[in-house]
């Protein structure tokens, strides 16, 4: 069950990042991958900056979405 929740959080976070940064999502698999990697990046970044976000569902989505937005921004920066 934890895996399903983990993938759902990744999908929602990727979808949020896709809509905020690109205007559309990246597809189901792309959103999940982006959100899961974004969760790792966001968790590392918040830990590095000593920012404490609630460990609940909403906090996990926010952390993953912030990380995913950073990933999309970095990809755009490198692409140019």
PDB file of N, CA and C in Angstrom:
ATOM      1  N   UNK A   1       0.821  -1.195   0.000  1.00  0.00           N
ATOM      2  CA  UNK A   1       0.000   0.000   0.000  1.00  0.00           C
ATOM      3  C   UNK A   1       0.865   1.259   0.000  1.00  0.00           C
ATOM      4  N   UNK A   2       1.998   1.222   0.689  1.00  0.00           N
ATOM      5  CA  UNK A   2       2.884   2.378   0.730  1.00  0.00           C
ATOM      6  C   UNK A   2       3.414   2.733  -0.652  1.00  0.00           C
ATOM      7  N   UNK A   3       3.667   1.719  -1.465  1.00  0.00           N
ATOM      8  CA  UNK A   3       4.170   1.966  -2.820  1.00  0.00           C
ATOM      9  C   UNK A   3       3.141   2.708  -3.655  1.00  0.00           C
ATOM     10  N   UNK A   4       1.890   2.339  -3.507  1.00  0.00           N
ATOM     11  CA  UNK A   4       0.815   3.002  -4.254  1.00  0.00           C
ATOM     12  C   UNK A   4       0.707   4.465  -3.824  1.00  0.00           C
ATOM     13  N   UNK A   5       0.780   4.714  -2.540  1.00  0.00           N
ATOM     14  CA  UNK A   5       0.712   6.091  -2.038  1.00  0.00           C
ATOM     15  C   UNK A   5       1.930   6.881  -2.512  1.00  0.00           C
ATOM     16  N   UNK A   6       3.103   6.259  -2.469  1.00  0.00           N
ATOM     17  CA  UNK A   6       4.340   6.888  -2.930  1.00  0.00           C
ATOM     18  C   UNK A   6       4.219   7.292  -4.399  1.00  0.00           C
ATOM     19  N   UNK A   7       3.700   6.398  -5.239  1.00  0.00           N
ATOM     20  CA  UNK A   7       3.526   6.694  -6.664  1.00  0.00           C
ATOM     21  C   UNK A   7       2.442   7.740  -6.897  1.00  0.00           C
ATOM     22  N   UNK A   8       1.384   7.702  -6.088  1.00  0.00           N
ATOM     23  CA  UNK A   8       0.312   8.699  -6.222  1.00  0.00           C
ATOM     24  C   UNK A   8       0.817  10.095  -5.868  1.00  0.00           C
ATOM     25  N   UNK A   9       1.605  10.190  -4.802  1.00  0.00           N
ATOM     26  CA  UNK A   9       2.185  11.484  -4.422  1.00  0.00           C
ATOM     27  C   UNK A   9       3.095  11.982  -5.535  1.00  0.00           C
ATOM     28  N   UNK A  10       3.916  11.094  -6.092  1.00  0.00           N
ATOM     29  CA  UNK A  10       4.780  11.462  -7.204  1.00  0.00           C
ATOM     30  C   UNK A  10       3.993  11.934  -8.407  1.00  0.00           C
ATOM     31  N   UNK A  11       2.894  11.245  -8.718  1.00  0.00           N
ATOM     32  CA  UNK A  11       2.058  11.638  -9.853  1.00  0.00           C
ATOM     33  C   UNK A  11       1.429  13.001  -9.662  1.00  0.00           C
ATOM     34  N   UNK A  12       0.915  13.252  -8.474  1.00  0.00           N
ATOM     35  CA  UNK A  12       0.285  14.552  -8.195  1.00  0.00           C
ATOM     36  C   UNK A  12       1.334  15.659  -8.226  1.00  0.00           C
ATOM     37  N   UNK A  13       2.488  15.413  -7.620  1.00  0.00           N
ATOM     38  CA  UNK A  13       3.549  16.425  -7.597  1.00  0.00           C
ATOM     39  C   UNK A  13       4.054  16.712  -9.008  1.00  0.00           C
ATOM     40  N   UNK A  14       4.233  15.676  -9.821  1.00  0.00           N
ATOM     41  CA  UNK A  14       4.661  15.875 -11.205  1.00  0.00           C
ATOM     42  C   UNK A  14       3.628  16.631 -12.015  1.00  0.00           C
ATOM     43  N   UNK A  15       2.351  16.329 -11.773  1.00  0.00           N
ATOM     44  CA  UNK A  15       1.267  17.019 -12.474  1.00  0.00           C
ATOM     45  C   UNK A  15       1.269  18.513 -12.098  1.00  0.00           C
ATOM     46  N   UNK A  16       1.434  18.803 -10.807  1.00  0.00           N
ATOM     47  CA  UNK A  16       1.474  20.199 -10.353  1.00  0.00           C
ATOM     48  C   UNK A  16       2.644  20.923 -11.006  1.00  0.00           C
ATOM     49  N   UNK A  17       3.814  20.301 -10.974  1.00  0.00           N
ATOM     50  CA  UNK A  17       5.001  20.934 -11.565  1.00  0.00           C
ATOM     51  C   UNK A  17       4.814  21.138 -13.067  1.00  0.00           C
ATOM     52  N   UNK A  18       4.253  20.162 -13.743  1.00  0.00           N
ATOM     53  CA  UNK A  18       4.033  20.289 -15.178  1.00  0.00           C
ATOM     54  C   UNK A  18       3.097  21.425 -15.523  1.00  0.00           C
ATOM     55  N   UNK A  19       2.035  21.583 -14.740  1.00  0.00           N
ATOM     56  CA  UNK A  19       1.081  22.653 -15.013  1.00  0.00           C
ATOM     57  C   UNK A  19       1.620  24.027 -14.630  1.00  0.00           C
ATOM     58  N   UNK A  20       2.413  24.095 -13.594  1.00  0.00           N
ATOM     59  CA  UNK A  20       2.964  25.392 -13.196  1.00  0.00           C
ATOM     60  C   UNK A  20       4.111  25.834 -14.104  1.00  0.00           C
ATOM     61  N   UNK A  21       4.907  24.900 -14.576  1.00  0.00           N
ATOM     62  CA  UNK A  21       6.111  25.259 -15.328  1.00  0.00           C
ATOM     63  C   UNK A  21       5.930  25.176 -16.843  1.00  0.00           C
ATOM     64  N   UNK A  22       5.039  24.325 -17.305  1.00  0.00           N
ATOM     65  CA  UNK A  22       4.934  24.098 -18.736  1.00  0.00           C
ATOM     66  C   UNK A  22       3.546  24.416 -19.273  1.00  0.00           C
ATOM     67  N   UNK A  23       2.553  24.425 -18.447  1.00  0.00           N
ATOM     68  CA  UNK A  23       1.198  24.665 -18.898  1.00  0.00           C
ATOM     69  C   UNK A  23       0.420  23.390 -19.160  1.00  0.00           C
ATOM     70  N   UNK A  24       1.101  22.254 -19.124  1.00  0.00           N
ATOM     71  CA  UNK A  24       0.455  20.954 -19.260  1.00  0.00           C
ATOM     72  C   UNK A  24       1.315  19.928 -18.547  1.00  0.00           C
ATOM     73  N   UNK A  25       0.768  18.763 -18.336  1.00  0.00           N
ATOM     74  CA  UNK A  25       1.521  17.715 -17.651  1.00  0.00           C
ATOM     75  C   UNK A  25       2.480  17.009 -18.589  1.00  0.00           C
ATOM     76  N   UNK A  26       3.140  15.985 -18.064  1.00  0.00           N
ATOM     77  CA  UNK A  26       4.105  15.216 -18.828  1.00  0.00           C
ATOM     78  C   UNK A  26       3.603  13.807 -19.117  1.00  0.00           C
ATOM     79  N   UNK A  27       2.325  13.562 -18.945  1.00  0.00           N
ATOM     80  CA  UNK A  27       1.771  12.219 -19.084  1.00  0.00           C
ATOM     81  C   UNK A  27       1.866  11.500 -17.747  1.00  0.00           C
ATOM     82  N   UNK A  28       1.130  10.416 -17.600  1.00  0.00           N
ATOM     83  CA  UNK A  28       1.053   9.719 -16.319  1.00  0.00           C
ATOM     84  C   UNK A  28       2.423   9.239 -15.847  1.00  0.00           C
ATOM     85  N   UNK A  29       3.133   8.521 -16.688  1.00  0.00           N
ATOM     86  CA  UNK A  29       4.436   7.984 -16.302  1.00  0.00           C
ATOM     87  C   UNK A  29       5.442   9.116 -16.080  1.00  0.00           C
ATOM     88  N   UNK A  30       5.443  10.104 -16.957  1.00  0.00           N
ATOM     89  CA  UNK A  30       6.352  11.242 -16.803  1.00  0.00           C
ATOM     90  C   UNK A  30       6.093  12.002 -15.519  1.00  0.00           C
ATOM     91  N   UNK A  31       4.814  12.205 -15.177  1.00  0.00           N
ATOM     92  CA  UNK A  31       4.470  12.896 -13.934  1.00  0.00           C
ATOM     93  C   UNK A  31       4.946  12.112 -12.718  1.00  0.00           C
ATOM     94  N   UNK A  32       4.751  10.794 -12.744  1.00  0.00           N
ATOM     95  CA  UNK A  32       5.166   9.965 -11.616  1.00  0.00           C
ATOM     96  C   UNK A  32       6.686  10.014 -11.450  1.00  0.00           C
ATOM     97  N   UNK A  33       7.413   9.842 -12.549  1.00  0.00           N
ATOM     98  CA  UNK A  33       8.877   9.865 -12.480  1.00  0.00           C
ATOM     99  C   UNK A  33       9.373  11.226 -12.000  1.00  0.00           C
ATOM    100  N   UNK A  34       8.824  12.284 -12.588  1.00  0.00           N
ATOM    101  CA  UNK A  34       9.219  13.638 -12.191  1.00  0.00           C
ATOM    102  C   UNK A  34       8.917  13.882 -10.719  1.00  0.00           C
ATOM    103  N   UNK A  35       7.746  13.466 -10.266  1.00  0.00           N
ATOM    104  CA  UNK A  35       7.353  13.680  -8.876  1.00  0.00           C
ATOM    105  C   UNK A  35       8.185  12.878  -7.891  1.00  0.00           C
ATOM    106  N   UNK A  36       8.505  11.634  -8.236  1.00  0.00           N
ATOM    107  CA  UNK A  36       9.312  10.805  -7.335  1.00  0.00           C
ATOM    108  C   UNK A  36      10.725  11.375  -7.220  1.00  0.00           C
ATOM    109  N   UNK A  37      11.338  11.705  -8.347  1.00  0.00           N
ATOM    110  CA  UNK A  37      12.674  12.312  -8.300  1.00  0.00           C
ATOM    111  C   UNK A  37      12.597  13.687  -7.631  1.00  0.00           C
ATOM    112  N   UNK A  38      11.528  14.420  -7.907  1.00  0.00           N
ATOM    113  CA  UNK A  38      11.320  15.715  -7.257  1.00  0.00           C
ATOM    114  C   UNK A  38      11.187  15.585  -5.747  1.00  0.00           C
ATOM    115  N   UNK A  39      10.584  14.506  -5.295  1.00  0.00           N
ATOM    116  CA  UNK A  39      10.481  14.260  -3.856  1.00  0.00           C
ATOM    117  C   UNK A  39      11.836  14.073  -3.217  1.00  0.00           C
ATOM    118  N   UNK A  40      12.724  13.382  -3.922  1.00  0.00           N
ATOM    119  CA  UNK A  40      14.086  13.188  -3.417  1.00  0.00           C
ATOM    120  C   UNK A  40      14.823  14.531  -3.375  1.00  0.00           C
ATOM    121  N   UNK A  41      14.712  15.289  -4.478  1.00  0.00           N
ATOM    122  CA  UNK A  41      15.388  16.590  -4.548  1.00  0.00           C
ATOM    123  C   UNK A  41      14.811  17.553  -3.508  1.00  0.00           C
ATOM    124  N   UNK A  42      13.489  17.620  -3.432  1.00  0.00           N
ATOM    125  CA  UNK A  42      12.844  18.515  -2.465  1.00  0.00           C
ATOM    126  C   UNK A  42      13.161  18.137  -1.029  1.00  0.00           C
ATOM    127  N   UNK A  43      13.168  16.840  -0.725  1.00  0.00           N
ATOM    128  CA  UNK A  43      13.514  16.392   0.623  1.00  0.00           C
ATOM    129  C   UNK A  43      14.935  16.756   0.988  1.00  0.00           C
ATOM    130  N   UNK A  44      15.854  16.564   0.043  1.00  0.00           N
ATOM    131  CA  UNK A  44      17.250  16.926   0.288  1.00  0.00           C
ATOM    132  C   UNK A  44      17.377  18.441   0.490  1.00  0.00           C
ATOM    133  N   UNK A  45      16.727  19.215  -0.386  1.00  0.00           N
ATOM    134  CA  UNK A  45      16.823  20.669  -0.316  1.00  0.00           C
ATOM    135  C   UNK A  45      16.246  21.204   0.988  1.00  0.00           C
ATOM    136  N   UNK A  46      15.063  20.721   1.371  1.00  0.00           N
ATOM    137  CA  UNK A  46      14.450  21.203   2.613  1.00  0.00           C
ATOM    138  C   UNK A  46      15.287  20.802   3.822  1.00  0.00           C
ATOM    139  N   UNK A  47      15.874  19.615   3.778  1.00  0.00           N
ATOM    140  CA  UNK A  47      16.742  19.187   4.868  1.00  0.00           C
ATOM    141  C   UNK A  47      17.996  20.063   4.925  1.00  0.00           C
ATOM    142  N   UNK A  48      18.571  20.355   3.767  1.00  0.00           N
ATOM    143  CA  UNK A  48      19.769  21.194   3.684  1.00  0.00           C
ATOM    144  C   UNK A  48      19.487  22.599   4.210  1.00  0.00           C
ATOM    145  N   UNK A  49      18.333  23.144   3.866  1.00  0.00           N
ATOM    146  CA  UNK A  49      17.957  24.490   4.304  1.00  0.00           C
ATOM    147  C   UNK A  49      17.326  24.510   5.692  1.00  0.00           C
ATOM    148  N   UNK A  50      17.177  23.347   6.307  1.00  0.00           N
ATOM    149  CA  UNK A  50      16.574  23.190   7.622  1.00  0.00           C
ATOM    150  C   UNK A  50      15.141  23.725   7.654  1.00  0.00           C
ATOM    151  N   UNK A  51      14.394  23.421   6.593  1.00  0.00           N
ATOM    152  CA  UNK A  51      12.983  23.795   6.500  1.00  0.00           C
ATOM    153  C   UNK A  51      12.159  22.584   6.903  1.00  0.00           C
ATOM    154  N   UNK A  52      11.254  22.766   7.849  1.00  0.00           N
ATOM    155  CA  UNK A  52      10.419  21.664   8.322  1.00  0.00           C
ATOM    156  C   UNK A  52       9.009  21.803   7.754  1.00  0.00           C
ATOM    157  N   UNK A  53       8.634  20.836   6.938  1.00  0.00           N
ATOM    158  CA  UNK A  53       7.286  20.766   6.384  1.00  0.00           C
ATOM    159  C   UNK A  53       6.595  19.591   7.069  1.00  0.00           C
ATOM    160  N   UNK A  54       5.300  19.697   7.295  1.00  0.00           N
ATOM    161  CA  UNK A  54       4.527  18.620   7.903  1.00  0.00           C
ATOM    162  C   UNK A  54       4.798  17.303   7.170  1.00  0.00           C
ATOM    163  N   UNK A  55       4.963  16.226   7.904  1.00  0.00           N
ATOM    164  CA  UNK A  55       5.266  14.926   7.309  1.00  0.00           C
ATOM    165  C   UNK A  55       4.036  14.210   6.771  1.00  0.00           C
ATOM    166  N   UNK A  56       2.896  14.841   6.765  1.00  0.00           N
ATOM    167  CA  UNK A  56       1.681  14.223   6.274  1.00  0.00           C
ATOM    168  C   UNK A  56       1.616  14.214   4.752  1.00  0.00           C
ATOM    169  N   UNK A  57       0.461  13.876   4.244  1.00  0.00           N
ATOM    170  CA  UNK A  57       0.240  13.767   2.803  1.00  0.00           C
ATOM    171  C   UNK A  57       0.469  15.095   2.092  1.00  0.00           C
ATOM    172  N   UNK A  58      -0.084  16.166   2.612  1.00  0.00           N
ATOM    173  CA  UNK A  58       0.059  17.483   1.989  1.00  0.00           C
ATOM    174  C   UNK A  58       1.520  17.933   2.018  1.00  0.00           C
ATOM    175  N   UNK A  59       2.193  17.727   3.122  1.00  0.00           N
ATOM    176  CA  UNK A  59       3.606  18.088   3.213  1.00  0.00           C
ATOM    177  C   UNK A  59       4.455  17.320   2.214  1.00  0.00           C
ATOM    178  N   UNK A  60       4.145  16.049   2.024  1.00  0.00           N
ATOM    179  CA  UNK A  60       4.878  15.239   1.045  1.00  0.00           C
ATOM    180  C   UNK A  60       4.639  15.734  -0.371  1.00  0.00           C
ATOM    181  N   UNK A  61       3.410  16.095  -0.675  1.00  0.00           N
ATOM    182  CA  UNK A  61       3.094  16.606  -2.007  1.00  0.00           C
ATOM    183  C   UNK A  61       3.800  17.939  -2.252  1.00  0.00           C
ATOM    184  N   UNK A  62       3.799  18.816  -1.245  1.00  0.00           N
ATOM    185  CA  UNK A  62       4.471  20.112  -1.386  1.00  0.00           C
ATOM    186  C   UNK A  62       5.964  19.918  -1.600  1.00  0.00           C
ATOM    187  N   UNK A  63       6.575  19.050  -0.811  1.00  0.00           N
ATOM    188  CA  UNK A  63       8.013  18.799  -0.933  1.00  0.00           C
ATOM    189  C   UNK A  63       8.353  18.248  -2.316  1.00  0.00           C
ATOM    190  N   UNK A  64       7.581  17.260  -2.763  1.00  0.00           N
ATOM    191  CA  UNK A  64       7.837  16.659  -4.071  1.00  0.00           C
ATOM    192  C   UNK A  64       7.576  17.651  -5.199  1.00  0.00           C
ATOM    193  N   UNK A  65       6.538  18.466  -5.067  1.00  0.00           N
ATOM    194  CA  UNK A  65       6.229  19.448  -6.109  1.00  0.00           C
ATOM    195  C   UNK A  65       7.326  20.505  -6.215  1.00  0.00           C
ATOM    196  N   UNK A  66       7.837  20.968  -5.088  1.00  0.00           N
ATOM    197  CA  UNK A  66       8.923  21.954  -5.117  1.00  0.00           C
ATOM    198  C   UNK A  66      10.152  21.345  -5.786  1.00  0.00           C
ATOM    199  N   UNK A  67      10.485  20.123  -5.419  1.00  0.00           N
ATOM    200  CA  UNK A  67      11.616  19.450  -6.059  1.00  0.00           C
ATOM    201  C   UNK A  67      11.407  19.244  -7.545  1.00  0.00           C
ATOM    202  N   UNK A  68      10.186  18.884  -7.945  1.00  0.00           N
ATOM    203  CA  UNK A  68       9.891  18.677  -9.361  1.00  0.00           C
ATOM    204  C   UNK A  68       9.961  19.989 -10.135  1.00  0.00           C
ATOM    205  N   UNK A  69       9.500  21.076  -9.543  1.00  0.00           N
ATOM    206  CA  UNK A  69       9.586  22.387 -10.191  1.00  0.00           C
ATOM    207  C   UNK A  69      11.049  22.777 -10.395  1.00  0.00           C
ATOM    208  N   UNK A  70      11.870  22.508  -9.399  1.00  0.00           N
ATOM    209  CA  UNK A  70      13.305  22.791  -9.534  1.00  0.00           C
ATOM    210  C   UNK A  70      13.903  21.952 -10.659  1.00  0.00           C
ATOM    211  N   UNK A  71      13.515  20.691 -10.754  1.00  0.00           N
ATOM    212  CA  UNK A  71      14.023  19.828 -11.832  1.00  0.00           C
ATOM    213  C   UNK A  71      13.619  20.341 -13.210  1.00  0.00           C
ATOM    214  N   UNK A  72      12.366  20.759 -13.363  1.00  0.00           N
ATOM    215  CA  UNK A  72      11.911  21.291 -14.649  1.00  0.00           C
ATOM    216  C   UNK A  72      12.672  22.568 -14.979  1.00  0.00           C
ATOM    217  N   UNK A  73      12.871  23.433 -13.995  1.00  0.00           N
ATOM    218  CA  UNK A  73      13.620  24.666 -14.210  1.00  0.00           C
ATOM    219  C   UNK A  73      15.044  24.363 -14.612  1.00  0.00           C
ATOM    220  N   UNK A  74      15.694  23.429 -13.939  1.00  0.00           N
ATOM    221  CA  UNK A  74      17.067  23.066 -14.291  1.00  0.00           C
ATOM    222  C   UNK A  74      17.144  22.487 -15.689  1.00  0.00           C
ATOM    223  N   UNK A  75      16.168  21.667 -16.067  1.00  0.00           N
ATOM    224  CA  UNK A  75      16.157  21.091 -17.408  1.00  0.00           C
ATOM    225  C   UNK A  75      16.031  22.184 -18.473  1.00  0.00           C
ATOM    226  N   UNK A  76      15.196  23.163 -18.217  1.00  0.00           N
ATOM    227  CA  UNK A  76      15.065  24.295 -19.146  1.00  0.00           C
ATOM    228  C   UNK A  76      16.353  25.101 -19.219  1.00  0.00           C
ATOM    229  N   UNK A  77      16.991  25.303 -18.086  1.00  0.00           N
ATOM    230  CA  UNK A  77      18.232  26.075 -18.018  1.00  0.00           C
ATOM    231  C   UNK A  77      19.341  25.366 -18.794  1.00  0.00           C
ATOM    232  N   UNK A  78      19.455  24.073 -18.632  1.00  0.00           N
ATOM    233  CA  UNK A  78      20.492  23.301 -19.327  1.00  0.00           C
ATOM    234  C   UNK A  78      20.193  23.216 -20.815  1.00  0.00           C
ATOM    235  N   UNK A  79      18.926  23.138 -21.162  1.00  0.00           N
ATOM    236  CA  UNK A  79      18.522  23.006 -22.573  1.00  0.00           C
ATOM    237  C   UNK A  79      18.876  24.246 -23.366  1.00  0.00           C
ATOM    238  N   UNK A  80      18.846  25.424 -22.756  1.00  0.00           N
ATOM    239  CA  UNK A  80      19.120  26.676 -23.449  1.00  0.00           C
ATOM    240  C   UNK A  80      20.577  26.807 -23.632  1.00  0.00           C
TER     241      UNK A  80
END
